[in-house]
């Protein structure tokens, strides 16, 4: 491991991460800002992609190809599907899928395109480190499936479809696209989300209220994971 990438989707998701570092160098590239820091002798690049799968794919690929990061960590918020997940709770993805990818008209399952797969698995090594950190800090963290799509889900019908089709525990708008990029480029990756809303009729109300606190929960846990990874 020589260089770590840490991604979020929104400014609010990386602000609590950047607060942990001094002497930040900002590099502007492809209509985005990349924040370079040195931490315990390891180079780290932090960026928020902007919302959605296209921007997330661009940012992940840039961090790997231009900045030469060889490990990618994603920190952010998500809507909860699993009833065990309450607002502020943490989930680490064991695998991710694209719930809005649909060529079922050609006889393929939801989330699948030829040459791809419905699910992309995250790094088992990084998940193990994250679970060790959770245990050491007495954090309640669920490991499960995260579904990604280019839509902010705020209806019970859509939420139920995603749960029944993909057995997903949480949903968001970037993770699976980052997973496809990292998997294709053989870069170990990890996706951490803190629950900010319930992805149903009240999601838009919950989200604004809990975005900040949930992002801080995710970021603080992520820094502990980075410490363990470096040590």
Protein backbone atom coordinates (compact mmCIF):
# COMPACT_ATOMS: atom_id res chain seq x y z
CA UNK A 1 0.00 0.00 0.00
CA UNK A 2 1.55 3.28 -1.10
CA UNK A 3 -1.34 5.71 -1.53
CA UNK A 4 -4.89 5.70 -0.20
CA UNK A 5 -7.91 7.29 -1.89
CA UNK A 6 -10.83 8.36 0.30
CA UNK A 7 -14.02 9.34 -1.52
CA UNK A 8 -17.35 10.82 -0.62
CA UNK A 9 -20.15 11.98 -2.90
CA UNK A 10 -20.86 15.38 -1.36
CA UNK A 11 -18.84 18.12 0.33
CA UNK A 12 -20.69 17.35 3.56
CA UNK A 13 -19.30 13.80 3.46
CA UNK A 14 -15.63 14.75 3.16
CA UNK A 15 -15.59 17.91 5.31
CA UNK A 16 -15.39 15.88 8.56
CA UNK A 17 -12.59 13.81 7.00
CA UNK A 18 -10.56 16.85 5.96
CA UNK A 19 -10.92 18.25 9.48
CA UNK A 20 -8.51 15.52 10.67
CA UNK A 21 -5.63 16.76 8.51
CA UNK A 22 -3.28 19.74 8.32
CA UNK A 23 -1.28 21.00 5.33
CA UNK A 24 -3.76 20.04 2.63
CA UNK A 25 -2.63 20.46 -0.98
CA UNK A 26 -5.47 21.05 -3.45
CA UNK A 27 -5.16 19.80 -7.04
CA UNK A 28 -7.84 20.80 -9.54
CA UNK A 29 -8.57 18.32 -12.31
CA UNK A 30 -11.57 17.46 -14.52
CA UNK A 31 -13.83 20.07 -12.90
CA UNK A 32 -13.13 18.74 -9.43
CA UNK A 33 -10.81 19.26 -6.47
CA UNK A 34 -8.53 16.59 -5.02
CA UNK A 35 -7.10 17.12 -1.55
CA UNK A 36 -3.66 15.61 -0.98
CA UNK A 37 -2.42 15.02 2.58
CA UNK A 38 0.37 13.12 4.27
CA UNK A 39 -0.68 11.11 7.32
CA UNK A 40 1.63 8.92 9.43
CA UNK A 41 4.01 8.64 6.49
CA UNK A 42 1.32 7.59 4.01
CA UNK A 43 -0.02 9.73 1.15
CA UNK A 44 -3.80 10.13 1.05
CA UNK A 45 -5.97 11.74 -1.63
CA UNK A 46 -9.46 12.86 -0.59
CA UNK A 47 -12.24 13.98 -2.95
CA UNK A 48 -15.98 14.27 -3.25
CA UNK A 49 -17.22 13.11 -6.61
CA UNK A 50 -20.56 14.91 -6.82
CA UNK A 51 -23.73 12.87 -6.70
CA UNK A 52 -24.45 9.90 -8.97
CA UNK A 53 -22.81 6.99 -10.71
CA UNK A 54 -21.14 8.86 -13.60
CA UNK A 55 -19.34 11.40 -11.41
CA UNK A 56 -18.41 8.67 -8.92
CA UNK A 57 -16.91 6.53 -11.70
CA UNK A 58 -14.93 9.50 -13.04
CA UNK A 59 -13.57 10.38 -9.61
CA UNK A 60 -12.65 6.81 -8.68
CA UNK A 61 -10.85 6.27 -11.99
CA UNK A 62 -9.04 9.59 -11.64
CA UNK A 63 -7.84 8.77 -8.12
CA UNK A 64 -6.51 5.42 -9.32
CA UNK A 65 -5.07 6.39 -12.70
CA UNK A 66 -3.93 10.00 -12.26
CA UNK A 67 -3.10 10.03 -8.54
CA UNK A 68 -1.92 6.40 -8.51
CA UNK A 69 -3.89 5.38 -5.43
CA UNK A 70 -3.78 1.63 -4.84
CA UNK A 71 -6.49 1.35 -2.15
CA UNK A 72 -9.85 3.12 -2.24
CA UNK A 73 -12.15 3.81 0.70
CA UNK A 74 -15.61 5.36 0.34
CA UNK A 75 -17.22 7.21 3.24
CA UNK A 76 -20.72 8.64 3.15
CA UNK A 77 -24.39 8.31 3.97
CA UNK A 78 -27.16 6.02 2.74
CA UNK A 79 -30.85 5.27 3.07
CA UNK A 80 -31.69 2.34 5.29
CA UNK A 81 -33.62 -0.69 4.08
CA UNK A 82 -32.78 -3.27 6.74
CA UNK A 83 -35.12 -2.53 9.69
CA UNK A 84 -32.20 -3.12 12.07
CA UNK A 85 -30.55 0.03 10.69
CA UNK A 86 -31.51 3.23 12.45
CA UNK A 87 -30.44 6.76 11.53
CA UNK A 88 -26.77 7.22 12.40
CA UNK A 89 -26.00 3.47 12.29
CA UNK A 90 -23.08 2.22 10.21
CA UNK A 91 -23.02 -0.36 7.41
CA UNK A 92 -20.05 -1.76 5.52
CA UNK A 93 -20.75 -3.30 2.12
CA UNK A 94 -19.78 -6.90 1.51
CA UNK A 95 -21.15 -6.49 -2.03
CA UNK A 96 -22.87 -3.84 -4.14
CA UNK A 97 -25.29 -3.80 -7.07
CA UNK A 98 -26.95 -1.30 -9.42
CA UNK A 99 -30.67 -1.39 -8.69
CA UNK A 100 -31.56 0.86 -11.64
CA UNK A 101 -29.67 -1.14 -14.28
CA UNK A 102 -32.42 -2.87 -16.23
CA UNK A 103 -32.18 -4.83 -19.46
CA UNK A 104 -34.68 -7.44 -18.30
CA UNK A 105 -36.40 -7.00 -21.70
CA UNK A 106 -33.55 -9.13 -23.12
CA UNK A 107 -33.97 -11.89 -20.57
CA UNK A 108 -31.26 -10.75 -18.14
CA UNK A 109 -31.81 -10.31 -14.40
CA UNK A 110 -32.10 -6.86 -12.86
CA UNK A 111 -28.70 -5.26 -12.30
CA UNK A 112 -26.91 -7.32 -14.95
CA UNK A 113 -25.30 -6.50 -18.28
CA UNK A 114 -23.28 -8.96 -20.40
CA UNK A 115 -19.63 -8.83 -19.40
CA UNK A 116 -20.55 -7.66 -15.93
CA UNK A 117 -22.20 -9.16 -12.86
CA UNK A 118 -25.14 -8.26 -10.65
CA UNK A 119 -22.96 -7.96 -7.54
CA UNK A 120 -19.39 -6.76 -7.03
CA UNK A 121 -17.71 -7.81 -3.79
CA UNK A 122 -15.56 -5.50 -1.67
CA UNK A 123 -12.13 -6.37 -0.25
CA UNK A 124 -12.39 -9.02 2.45
CA UNK A 125 -9.15 -7.77 4.01
CA UNK A 126 -10.49 -4.20 4.34
CA UNK A 127 -13.79 -5.47 5.73
CA UNK A 128 -11.93 -7.52 8.34
CA UNK A 129 -9.94 -4.46 9.40
CA UNK A 130 -13.15 -2.44 9.64
CA UNK A 131 -14.83 -5.10 11.78
CA UNK A 132 -11.80 -5.28 14.07
CA UNK A 133 -11.93 -1.50 14.49
CA UNK A 134 -15.66 -1.65 15.24
CA UNK A 135 -15.11 -4.28 17.91
CA UNK A 136 -12.21 -2.38 19.51
CA UNK A 137 -14.28 0.82 19.65
CA UNK A 138 -17.55 -0.90 20.64
CA UNK A 139 -19.26 0.34 17.49
CA UNK A 140 -22.38 -1.39 16.21
CA UNK A 141 -21.70 -2.00 12.51
CA UNK A 142 -23.74 -4.14 10.12
CA UNK A 143 -22.15 -5.89 7.14
CA UNK A 144 -24.48 -6.22 4.18
CA UNK A 145 -25.52 -5.51 0.61
CA UNK A 146 -25.70 -1.94 -0.66
CA UNK A 147 -27.72 -1.06 -3.76
CA UNK A 148 -26.81 1.92 -5.96
CA UNK A 149 -28.90 3.89 -8.44
CA UNK A 150 -29.15 7.30 -10.06
CA UNK A 151 -32.22 8.26 -8.08
CA UNK A 152 -32.90 9.43 -4.54
CA UNK A 153 -35.32 6.76 -3.33
CA UNK A 154 -38.17 8.16 -1.27
CA UNK A 155 -41.03 5.76 -1.97
CA UNK A 156 -41.98 2.58 -0.14
CA UNK A 157 -42.75 0.84 -3.45
CA UNK A 158 -39.26 1.38 -4.86
CA UNK A 159 -37.66 0.52 -1.55
CA UNK A 160 -39.63 -2.75 -1.40
CA UNK A 161 -38.62 -3.60 -4.99
CA UNK A 162 -34.92 -3.12 -4.19
CA UNK A 163 -35.20 -5.14 -1.01
CA UNK A 164 -37.00 -8.06 -2.65
CA UNK A 165 -34.91 -8.07 -5.86
CA UNK A 166 -31.41 -7.61 -4.42
CA UNK A 167 -31.86 -8.43 -0.69
CA UNK A 168 -30.24 -5.02 -0.08
CA UNK A 169 -29.72 -3.59 3.39
CA UNK A 170 -29.12 0.03 2.31
CA UNK A 171 -29.18 2.14 -0.82
CA UNK A 172 -27.30 5.14 -2.18
CA UNK A 173 -26.16 6.70 -5.46
CA UNK A 174 -22.43 5.97 -5.99
CA UNK A 175 -21.04 2.82 -4.39
CA UNK A 176 -21.63 0.18 -7.06
CA UNK A 177 -20.13 2.32 -9.81
CA UNK A 178 -17.00 2.81 -7.68
CA UNK A 179 -17.02 -0.95 -7.12
CA UNK A 180 -17.07 -1.65 -10.88
CA UNK A 181 -14.13 0.72 -11.48
CA UNK A 182 -12.02 -0.68 -8.63
CA UNK A 183 -12.81 -4.29 -9.49
CA UNK A 184 -11.90 -3.71 -13.15
CA UNK A 185 -8.59 -2.05 -12.19
CA UNK A 186 -7.76 -4.61 -9.47
CA UNK A 187 -7.76 -2.01 -6.69
CA UNK A 188 -8.92 -3.16 -3.23
CA UNK A 189 -11.87 -1.05 -2.11
CA UNK A 190 -14.24 -0.59 0.78
CA UNK A 191 -17.60 1.20 1.10
CA UNK A 192 -18.81 2.56 4.42
CA UNK A 193 -22.13 4.30 4.87
CA UNK A 194 -23.93 5.85 7.82
CA UNK A 195 -27.71 5.82 7.66
CA UNK A 196 -29.21 9.27 7.08
CA UNK A 197 -32.79 8.42 6.13
CA UNK A 198 -35.27 5.58 5.80
CA UNK A 199 -35.63 5.68 1.97
CA UNK A 200 -39.41 5.93 2.17
CA UNK A 201 -41.96 8.72 2.11
CA UNK A 202 -40.11 10.70 4.79
CA UNK A 203 -36.66 10.31 3.24
CA UNK A 204 -36.39 13.88 1.98
CA UNK A 205 -37.22 15.24 5.45
CA UNK A 206 -34.86 12.85 7.25
CA UNK A 207 -31.99 13.38 4.85
CA UNK A 208 -31.46 17.11 5.32
CA UNK A 209 -31.76 16.82 9.07
CA UNK A 210 -29.40 13.91 9.59
CA UNK A 211 -26.90 14.28 6.72
CA UNK A 212 -24.34 16.18 8.79
CA UNK A 213 -24.38 13.99 11.90
CA UNK A 214 -24.38 10.76 9.88
CA UNK A 215 -21.48 11.98 7.71
CA UNK A 216 -19.49 12.71 10.89
CA UNK A 217 -20.23 9.19 12.19
CA UNK A 218 -18.98 7.69 8.94
CA UNK A 219 -15.88 9.91 8.77
CA UNK A 220 -14.81 9.30 12.37
CA UNK A 221 -15.07 5.54 11.88
CA UNK A 222 -13.20 5.81 8.57
CA UNK A 223 -10.26 7.61 10.21
CA UNK A 224 -9.99 4.79 12.76
CA UNK A 225 -9.94 2.30 9.86
CA UNK A 226 -7.17 4.28 8.14
CA UNK A 227 -5.15 4.26 11.40
CA UNK A 228 -5.47 0.47 11.59
CA UNK A 229 -4.66 0.07 7.91
CA UNK A 230 -1.47 2.09 8.25
CA UNK A 231 -0.39 0.43 11.50
